[in-house]
C-alpha cells in the first residue's frame, strides 16, 4: 500500500511540474466552457438594421422605437429613400431593413389596416428567418395596444422580402463556411506537417546546407500545396454550382483570386506552426486545436459574431477565416465586386505578410 501511495504521489508531482499537462487538465475546460457558453447560441441578438420611414407619424415613431430598443436589434441607420436600401445592404453593415410606407397612421386608423415591409439578408437564411419573426412579434404588439374594444380591430400586415436567397436554401451559407474551414485546416495542417517531417527524418540538414535561402526553402515547400488547393477550390465551386444549386453570382476570377490569397494566408499559418513544433503529432494537434474551433466559432459561419460579448468580437478579428467568409458571401452569393471586399482583402494581405515575416525570421538555419 505504501508503494502504491508513493507512485500516486510521484504521478501527482509530475502533473504539477508539467505545465502543458496542467494547462490541459485545469485551464482547457475553463476556456472551453467560456467559449461555448458565450458563443454557442441559436438566439440572434444585436443585429444591425436600418429603417426607412416614409410616413414619420406617431405610429411609425412608436414602432421604430420599440424595434430599436429591443435587444434583438441595433439601429445603425435611418434611410432617406428606397434606393438607399440596396446600397446599404451591399456595404454589409445591416442584416434587415424596415420600410414604413407613406400615410401609415392614416391607413391604420381610417382603413383599419396598414402594411410594413421587412427586407432581410437571406445569405444566412436561419438568421433572416429569426429576425423577421422577432420584428413581426414587435410590430403586432402595436395594434393590440390601440385596439381597445374596437368592433373592427386594427391590423398590420408585414410583407417579407428575402434578398440574395429568396428560397432560403441553407447551402448559400453552408458553402462559404465549408470553403473557409476546408482551406484553413488542409493548408495549415499539411504545410506544418511537411516541414516538421523533414526535421524528424533528418533531411532538413540537407536543405539547410543547400545554397537556397530560408525564404526560398519555405516557398518551395508551400508551392505544391498551393497547387493542390487550387484543385480543392475548383472542386468545391463545381460541386456547389452543379450539385447544390448555389450559383456564383459575382466574378469567378475575383472569387478564385481571393481564395488563392486565403490559401496563402493558411499556408503561412502552417509555416509558423512548423517553426515551433518538433514532431508531426504536435504540429497536427496544434493545427487542429488552434484553428478548427476558432474557425467554427469566430468566422460567423455557424454563430453570428454580433451575439458574442465584445472581447470575443475583438478576438474574432484575428481569425483569417472570418474575413474570407465575408469575401465569399459578398462575391459568390451577393454578386458584389472588389469595391465591397477590398478592406477584407487588405486585412488578409496584412496577415499573410506578418505571418510570413515572423516565420522567415524564426526559421532555424541550424538544428542544434
Protein backbone atom coordinates (compact mmCIF):
# COMPACT_ATOMS: atom_id res chain seq x y z
CA UNK A 1 0.00 0.00 0.00
CA UNK A 2 2.85 2.34 0.85
CA UNK A 3 4.48 1.73 -2.52
CA UNK A 4 1.16 2.39 -4.23
CA UNK A 5 0.83 5.76 -2.46
CA UNK A 6 4.40 6.63 -3.43
CA UNK A 7 3.56 6.07 -7.10
CA UNK A 8 0.39 8.18 -6.73
CA UNK A 9 2.45 10.97 -5.18
CA UNK A 10 5.02 10.67 -7.96
CA UNK A 11 2.33 11.00 -10.66
CA UNK A 12 0.73 13.92 -8.81
CA UNK A 13 4.04 15.78 -8.68
CA UNK A 14 4.63 15.01 -12.35
CA UNK A 15 1.32 16.64 -13.31
CA UNK A 16 2.08 19.79 -11.33
CA UNK A 17 5.59 20.06 -12.73
CA UNK A 18 4.49 19.61 -16.36
CA UNK A 19 2.94 22.95 -17.26
CA UNK A 20 1.46 21.72 -20.54
CA UNK A 21 -0.36 18.84 -18.83
CA UNK A 22 -1.52 21.17 -16.07
CA UNK A 23 -2.86 23.61 -18.65
CA UNK A 24 -4.83 20.88 -20.44
CA UNK A 25 -6.28 19.44 -17.24
CA UNK A 26 -7.28 22.66 -15.49
CA UNK A 27 -7.44 25.60 -17.85
CA UNK A 28 -8.65 23.92 -21.05
CA UNK A 29 -12.09 23.03 -19.57
CA UNK A 30 -12.41 26.59 -18.23
CA UNK A 31 -11.58 28.11 -21.62
CA UNK A 32 -13.94 25.77 -23.46
CA UNK A 33 -16.92 26.39 -21.17
CA UNK A 34 -16.42 30.15 -21.51
CA UNK A 35 -16.17 29.93 -25.30
CA UNK A 36 -19.11 27.58 -25.69
CA UNK A 37 -21.22 29.37 -23.10
CA UNK A 38 -21.00 32.73 -24.84
CA UNK A 39 -20.55 31.74 -28.48
CA UNK A 40 -22.80 28.70 -28.93
CA UNK A 41 -26.32 30.11 -29.00
CA UNK A 42 -29.10 29.93 -31.55
CA UNK A 43 -30.54 33.22 -30.34
CA UNK A 44 -29.89 36.25 -32.55
CA UNK A 45 -29.14 39.50 -30.72
CA UNK A 46 -27.85 42.98 -31.56
CA UNK A 47 -28.40 42.56 -35.29
CA UNK A 48 -27.79 45.74 -37.25
CA UNK A 49 -30.85 47.12 -39.02
CA UNK A 50 -31.90 50.22 -40.95
CA UNK A 51 -35.30 51.94 -41.03
CA UNK A 52 -36.92 53.79 -43.92
CA UNK A 53 -39.82 55.83 -42.51
CA UNK A 54 -41.75 57.48 -45.34
CA UNK A 55 -44.62 58.44 -43.04
CA UNK A 56 -42.86 59.90 -39.99
CA UNK A 57 -46.01 59.95 -37.88
CA UNK A 58 -46.77 58.96 -34.30
CA UNK A 59 -47.43 55.30 -35.11
CA UNK A 60 -44.23 54.75 -37.09
CA UNK A 61 -42.21 56.54 -34.42
CA UNK A 62 -43.58 54.29 -31.67
CA UNK A 63 -42.98 51.09 -33.65
CA UNK A 64 -39.48 52.22 -34.70
CA UNK A 65 -38.57 52.96 -31.09
CA UNK A 66 -39.88 49.57 -29.97
CA UNK A 67 -37.80 47.78 -32.59
CA UNK A 68 -34.67 49.83 -31.92
CA UNK A 69 -34.91 49.35 -28.15
CA UNK A 70 -35.27 45.58 -28.45
CA UNK A 71 -32.24 43.51 -27.52
CA UNK A 72 -32.59 41.70 -30.83
CA UNK A 73 -31.90 44.76 -32.98
CA UNK A 74 -29.44 47.62 -33.19
CA UNK A 75 -30.48 50.57 -35.32
CA UNK A 76 -27.46 51.79 -37.28
CA UNK A 77 -29.04 53.97 -39.94
CA UNK A 78 -32.20 55.88 -40.86
CA UNK A 79 -32.63 55.74 -44.64
CA UNK A 80 -33.89 58.62 -46.76
CA UNK A 81 -35.15 56.80 -49.85
CA UNK A 82 -35.97 53.33 -51.13
CA UNK A 83 -32.87 53.43 -53.34
CA UNK A 84 -30.67 53.62 -50.23
CA UNK A 85 -31.75 50.14 -49.13
CA UNK A 86 -29.76 48.20 -51.75
CA UNK A 87 -26.68 50.36 -51.28
CA UNK A 88 -26.79 49.85 -47.50
CA UNK A 89 -27.14 46.08 -47.84
CA UNK A 90 -24.18 46.00 -50.22
CA UNK A 91 -21.96 47.55 -47.56
CA UNK A 92 -22.66 44.53 -45.35
CA UNK A 93 -23.48 46.75 -42.38
CA UNK A 94 -27.10 45.64 -41.90
CA UNK A 95 -28.99 42.36 -41.80
CA UNK A 96 -32.51 43.78 -42.17
CA UNK A 97 -34.37 46.91 -43.27
CA UNK A 98 -37.81 48.01 -42.04
CA UNK A 99 -39.86 50.08 -44.50
CA UNK A 100 -42.87 52.17 -43.45
CA UNK A 101 -44.99 53.40 -46.39
CA UNK A 102 -46.38 56.94 -46.61
CA UNK A 103 -49.60 57.70 -44.68
CA UNK A 104 -49.08 54.67 -42.44
CA UNK A 105 -51.07 56.01 -39.46
CA UNK A 106 -53.97 57.25 -41.62
CA UNK A 107 -54.24 53.88 -43.34
CA UNK A 108 -54.25 52.12 -39.97
CA UNK A 109 -56.81 54.36 -38.25
CA UNK A 110 -59.15 55.00 -41.17
CA UNK A 111 -58.79 51.78 -43.13
CA UNK A 112 -58.14 49.56 -40.08
CA UNK A 113 -55.16 48.05 -41.90
CA UNK A 114 -51.63 49.07 -42.84
CA UNK A 115 -48.52 47.42 -44.26
CA UNK A 116 -44.87 47.26 -43.28
CA UNK A 117 -42.14 45.76 -45.46
CA UNK A 118 -39.32 43.73 -43.92
CA UNK A 119 -36.28 43.19 -46.15
CA UNK A 120 -33.74 40.70 -44.80
CA UNK A 121 -30.32 39.50 -45.94
CA UNK A 122 -31.06 35.82 -46.57
CA UNK A 123 -27.50 34.80 -47.42
CA UNK A 124 -27.78 33.43 -43.87
CA UNK A 125 -31.33 32.00 -44.07
CA UNK A 126 -31.67 30.96 -40.42
CA UNK A 127 -30.74 34.41 -39.13
CA UNK A 128 -33.02 36.09 -41.67
CA UNK A 129 -35.97 33.96 -40.55
CA UNK A 130 -35.33 34.73 -36.89
CA UNK A 131 -35.02 38.47 -37.48
CA UNK A 132 -38.27 38.70 -39.44
CA UNK A 133 -40.06 36.67 -36.75
CA UNK A 134 -38.73 38.94 -33.98
CA UNK A 135 -39.76 42.04 -35.93
CA UNK A 136 -43.22 40.61 -36.63
CA UNK A 137 -43.78 39.96 -32.94
CA UNK A 138 -42.86 43.56 -32.03
CA UNK A 139 -44.94 45.05 -34.85
CA UNK A 140 -48.03 43.01 -33.91
CA UNK A 141 -47.88 44.33 -30.35
CA UNK A 142 -48.71 47.86 -31.52
CA UNK A 143 -52.24 47.26 -32.96
CA UNK A 144 -53.11 45.20 -29.90
CA UNK A 145 -52.25 48.15 -27.66
CA UNK A 146 -54.58 50.54 -29.54
CA UNK A 147 -57.50 48.25 -30.39
CA UNK A 148 -59.37 48.82 -27.09
CA UNK A 149 -62.66 47.02 -27.84
CA UNK A 150 -62.85 48.11 -31.48
CA UNK A 151 -65.56 46.36 -33.49
CA UNK A 152 -63.13 46.13 -36.40
CA UNK A 153 -59.65 45.74 -34.88
CA UNK A 154 -56.61 47.39 -36.38
CA UNK A 155 -54.20 45.07 -38.20
CA UNK A 156 -50.70 45.50 -39.57
CA UNK A 157 -49.64 43.21 -42.39
CA UNK A 158 -45.95 42.58 -42.92
CA UNK A 159 -44.56 41.95 -46.37
CA UNK A 160 -41.32 39.96 -46.11
CA UNK A 161 -38.67 40.09 -48.82
CA UNK A 162 -35.58 37.90 -48.70
CA UNK A 163 -32.55 39.29 -50.54
CA UNK A 164 -29.91 37.12 -52.27
CA UNK A 165 -31.60 33.85 -51.27
CA UNK A 166 -35.38 34.03 -51.77
CA UNK A 167 -35.77 30.24 -51.47
CA UNK A 168 -33.91 30.26 -48.13
CA UNK A 169 -31.53 27.46 -49.12
CA UNK A 170 -29.13 26.52 -46.35
CA UNK A 171 -26.37 25.81 -48.87
CA UNK A 172 -25.98 29.54 -49.50
CA UNK A 173 -24.49 29.88 -46.02
CA UNK A 174 -23.02 26.38 -45.86
CA UNK A 175 -20.78 26.58 -48.95
CA UNK A 176 -18.77 29.73 -47.96
CA UNK A 177 -18.29 28.35 -44.47
CA UNK A 178 -17.06 24.97 -45.70
CA UNK A 179 -14.66 26.66 -48.12
CA UNK A 180 -13.12 28.64 -45.27
CA UNK A 181 -12.95 25.60 -42.98
CA UNK A 182 -11.51 23.18 -45.54
CA UNK A 183 -8.87 25.52 -46.94
CA UNK A 184 -7.76 26.68 -43.50
CA UNK A 185 -7.42 23.20 -41.99
CA UNK A 186 -6.00 21.36 -45.01
CA UNK A 187 -3.46 24.01 -46.00
CA UNK A 188 -2.30 24.73 -42.46
CA UNK A 189 -2.08 21.14 -41.30
CA UNK A 190 -0.39 19.77 -44.41
CA UNK A 191 2.20 22.55 -44.54
CA UNK A 192 3.11 22.31 -40.86
CA UNK A 193 3.45 18.52 -41.05
CA UNK A 194 5.51 18.61 -44.24
CA UNK A 195 8.21 20.83 -42.75
CA UNK A 196 8.26 19.06 -39.37
CA UNK A 197 8.57 15.73 -41.21
CA UNK A 198 11.87 16.95 -42.66
CA UNK A 199 13.13 17.54 -39.12
CA UNK A 200 12.08 14.08 -37.91
CA UNK A 201 13.58 12.25 -40.89
CA UNK A 202 16.83 14.25 -40.71
CA UNK A 203 16.53 15.54 -44.26
CA UNK A 204 16.23 19.11 -43.04
CA UNK A 205 20.02 19.16 -42.71
CA UNK A 206 20.31 18.58 -46.46
CA UNK A 207 18.04 21.55 -47.13
CA UNK A 208 19.95 23.78 -44.73
CA UNK A 209 23.31 23.15 -46.37
CA UNK A 210 21.90 23.83 -49.83
CA UNK A 211 22.54 27.24 -51.46
CA UNK A 212 18.85 28.12 -51.06
CA UNK A 213 17.98 30.85 -48.60
CA UNK A 214 15.36 30.20 -45.87
CA UNK A 215 12.80 32.24 -47.83
CA UNK A 216 13.24 30.03 -50.92
CA UNK A 217 13.05 26.85 -48.84
CA UNK A 218 9.77 27.97 -47.29
CA UNK A 219 8.27 28.99 -50.63
CA UNK A 220 9.39 25.71 -52.26
CA UNK A 221 7.67 23.70 -49.51
CA UNK A 222 4.38 25.58 -49.93
CA UNK A 223 4.03 25.75 -53.73
CA UNK A 224 2.84 22.11 -54.14
CA UNK A 225 0.14 22.64 -51.50
CA UNK A 226 -0.88 25.85 -53.21
CA UNK A 227 -1.44 23.90 -56.43
CA UNK A 228 -3.40 21.22 -54.58
CA UNK A 229 -5.53 23.96 -53.02
CA UNK A 230 -6.40 25.25 -56.49
CA UNK A 231 -7.85 21.82 -57.25
CA UNK A 232 -9.75 21.86 -53.94
CA UNK A 233 -11.19 25.31 -54.66
CA UNK A 234 -12.22 24.29 -58.17
CA UNK A 235 -13.90 21.08 -57.00
CA UNK A 236 -15.78 22.89 -54.21
CA UNK A 237 -17.09 25.53 -56.61
CA UNK A 238 -18.10 22.95 -59.24
CA UNK A 239 -19.96 20.87 -56.64
CA UNK A 240 -21.61 23.99 -55.26
CA UNK A 241 -22.93 25.07 -58.65
CA UNK A 242 -23.90 21.71 -60.18
CA UNK A 243 -24.74 19.61 -57.11
CA UNK A 244 -26.02 22.12 -54.55
CA UNK A 245 -27.51 24.68 -56.97
CA UNK A 246 -25.59 27.57 -55.42
CA UNK A 247 -24.79 30.00 -58.25
CA UNK A 248 -21.66 32.12 -58.48
CA UNK A 249 -23.37 35.48 -58.90
CA UNK A 250 -20.21 37.59 -58.88
CA UNK A 251 -16.91 37.37 -60.75
CA UNK A 252 -15.41 33.88 -60.87
CA UNK A 253 -11.91 35.33 -61.30
CA UNK A 254 -12.30 37.58 -58.28
CA UNK A 255 -13.55 34.64 -56.22
CA UNK A 256 -10.62 32.46 -57.33
CA UNK A 257 -8.12 35.25 -56.62
CA UNK A 258 -9.48 35.82 -53.13
CA UNK A 259 -9.47 32.07 -52.49
CA UNK A 260 -5.82 31.91 -53.55
CA UNK A 261 -5.00 34.78 -51.18
CA UNK A 262 -6.71 32.98 -48.30
CA UNK A 263 -4.87 29.78 -49.21
CA UNK A 264 -1.55 31.62 -48.97
CA UNK A 265 -2.62 33.02 -45.61
CA UNK A 266 -3.44 29.50 -44.39
CA UNK A 267 -0.10 28.19 -45.65
CA UNK A 268 1.62 30.99 -43.75
CA UNK A 269 -0.09 29.86 -40.53
CA UNK A 270 1.14 26.32 -41.17
CA UNK A 271 4.70 27.52 -41.70
CA UNK A 272 4.57 29.46 -38.44
CA UNK A 273 3.36 26.37 -36.54
CA UNK A 274 6.12 24.26 -38.09
CA UNK A 275 8.76 26.62 -36.70
CA UNK A 276 7.77 25.76 -33.15
CA UNK A 277 6.59 22.13 -33.45
CA UNK A 278 9.18 19.38 -33.12
CA UNK A 279 7.03 16.39 -34.12
CA UNK A 280 4.30 15.76 -36.70
CA UNK A 281 1.90 14.83 -33.91
CA UNK A 282 2.47 18.15 -32.19
CA UNK A 283 2.03 20.04 -35.46
CA UNK A 284 -1.22 18.26 -36.27
CA UNK A 285 -2.60 18.72 -32.74
CA UNK A 286 -1.68 22.41 -32.73
CA UNK A 287 -3.25 22.94 -36.16
CA UNK A 288 -6.49 21.20 -35.22
CA UNK A 289 -6.89 22.74 -31.77
CA UNK A 290 -5.80 26.27 -32.68
CA UNK A 291 -7.76 26.53 -35.95
CA UNK A 292 -10.75 24.17 -36.02
CA UNK A 293 -12.64 25.67 -33.07
CA UNK A 294 -11.80 29.32 -33.88
CA UNK A 295 -12.93 28.77 -37.48
CA UNK A 296 -16.24 27.32 -36.32
CA UNK A 297 -16.86 29.84 -33.55
CA UNK A 298 -15.39 33.11 -34.80
CA UNK A 299 -15.87 33.05 -38.57
CA UNK A 300 -19.60 33.80 -38.44
CA UNK A 301 -20.25 30.54 -40.28
CA UNK A 302 -22.30 28.83 -37.56
CA UNK A 303 -22.90 31.53 -34.95
CA UNK A 304 -23.46 35.27 -35.55
CA UNK A 305 -20.49 37.21 -34.20
CA UNK A 306 -22.66 40.12 -33.01
CA UNK A 307 -24.25 37.75 -30.46
CA UNK A 308 -20.93 37.39 -28.66
CA UNK A 309 -19.52 39.62 -25.92
CA UNK A 310 -17.29 42.49 -27.07
CA UNK A 311 -14.00 40.74 -26.07
CA UNK A 312 -14.89 37.74 -28.26
CA UNK A 313 -15.86 40.00 -31.14
CA UNK A 314 -12.42 41.58 -30.89
CA UNK A 315 -10.76 38.15 -30.83
CA UNK A 316 -12.66 37.16 -33.99
CA UNK A 317 -10.79 39.86 -35.91
CA UNK A 318 -7.55 37.85 -35.77
CA UNK A 319 -9.19 34.76 -37.28
CA UNK A 320 -8.43 34.79 -41.05
CA UNK A 321 -11.45 32.63 -41.92
CA UNK A 322 -13.81 35.38 -40.71
CA UNK A 323 -12.63 37.75 -43.42
CA UNK A 324 -12.60 35.08 -46.12
CA UNK A 325 -16.14 34.03 -45.18
CA UNK A 326 -17.29 37.63 -45.68
CA UNK A 327 -15.50 37.82 -49.04
CA UNK A 328 -17.04 34.60 -50.38
CA UNK A 329 -20.55 35.59 -49.34
CA UNK A 330 -20.22 39.05 -50.88
CA UNK A 331 -18.74 37.85 -54.17
CA UNK A 332 -20.34 34.44 -54.66
CA UNK A 333 -23.79 34.92 -53.10
CA UNK A 334 -24.43 38.67 -53.34
CA UNK A 335 -22.63 39.28 -56.63
CA UNK A 336 -20.63 42.25 -55.35
CA UNK A 337 -17.34 43.44 -56.78
CA UNK A 338 -13.90 44.22 -55.41
CA UNK A 339 -15.07 47.58 -54.04
CA UNK A 340 -17.12 45.72 -51.43
CA UNK A 341 -14.34 43.38 -50.25
CA UNK A 342 -11.19 45.49 -50.53
CA UNK A 343 -10.99 46.03 -46.76
CA UNK A 344 -11.14 42.29 -46.06
CA UNK A 345 -8.57 41.72 -48.83
CA UNK A 346 -6.15 44.23 -47.30
CA UNK A 347 -6.57 42.54 -43.88
CA UNK A 348 -5.73 39.11 -45.33
CA UNK A 349 -2.70 40.55 -47.17
CA UNK A 350 -1.54 42.13 -43.91
CA UNK A 351 -1.96 38.85 -42.03
CA UNK A 352 -0.09 36.93 -44.72
CA UNK A 353 2.81 39.40 -44.76
CA UNK A 354 3.08 39.38 -40.97
CA UNK A 355 2.93 35.59 -40.65
CA UNK A 356 5.50 35.03 -43.41
CA UNK A 357 7.79 37.66 -41.91
CA UNK A 358 7.67 36.02 -38.48
CA UNK A 359 8.14 32.54 -39.99
CA UNK A 360 11.21 33.55 -42.01
CA UNK A 361 12.69 35.39 -39.03
CA UNK A 362 12.15 32.39 -36.71
CA UNK A 363 13.22 29.79 -39.27
CA UNK A 364 16.12 27.85 -37.74
CA UNK A 365 19.09 27.57 -40.06
CA UNK A 366 20.76 25.26 -37.50
CA UNK A 367 19.10 22.21 -35.96
CA UNK A 368 21.11 22.41 -32.75
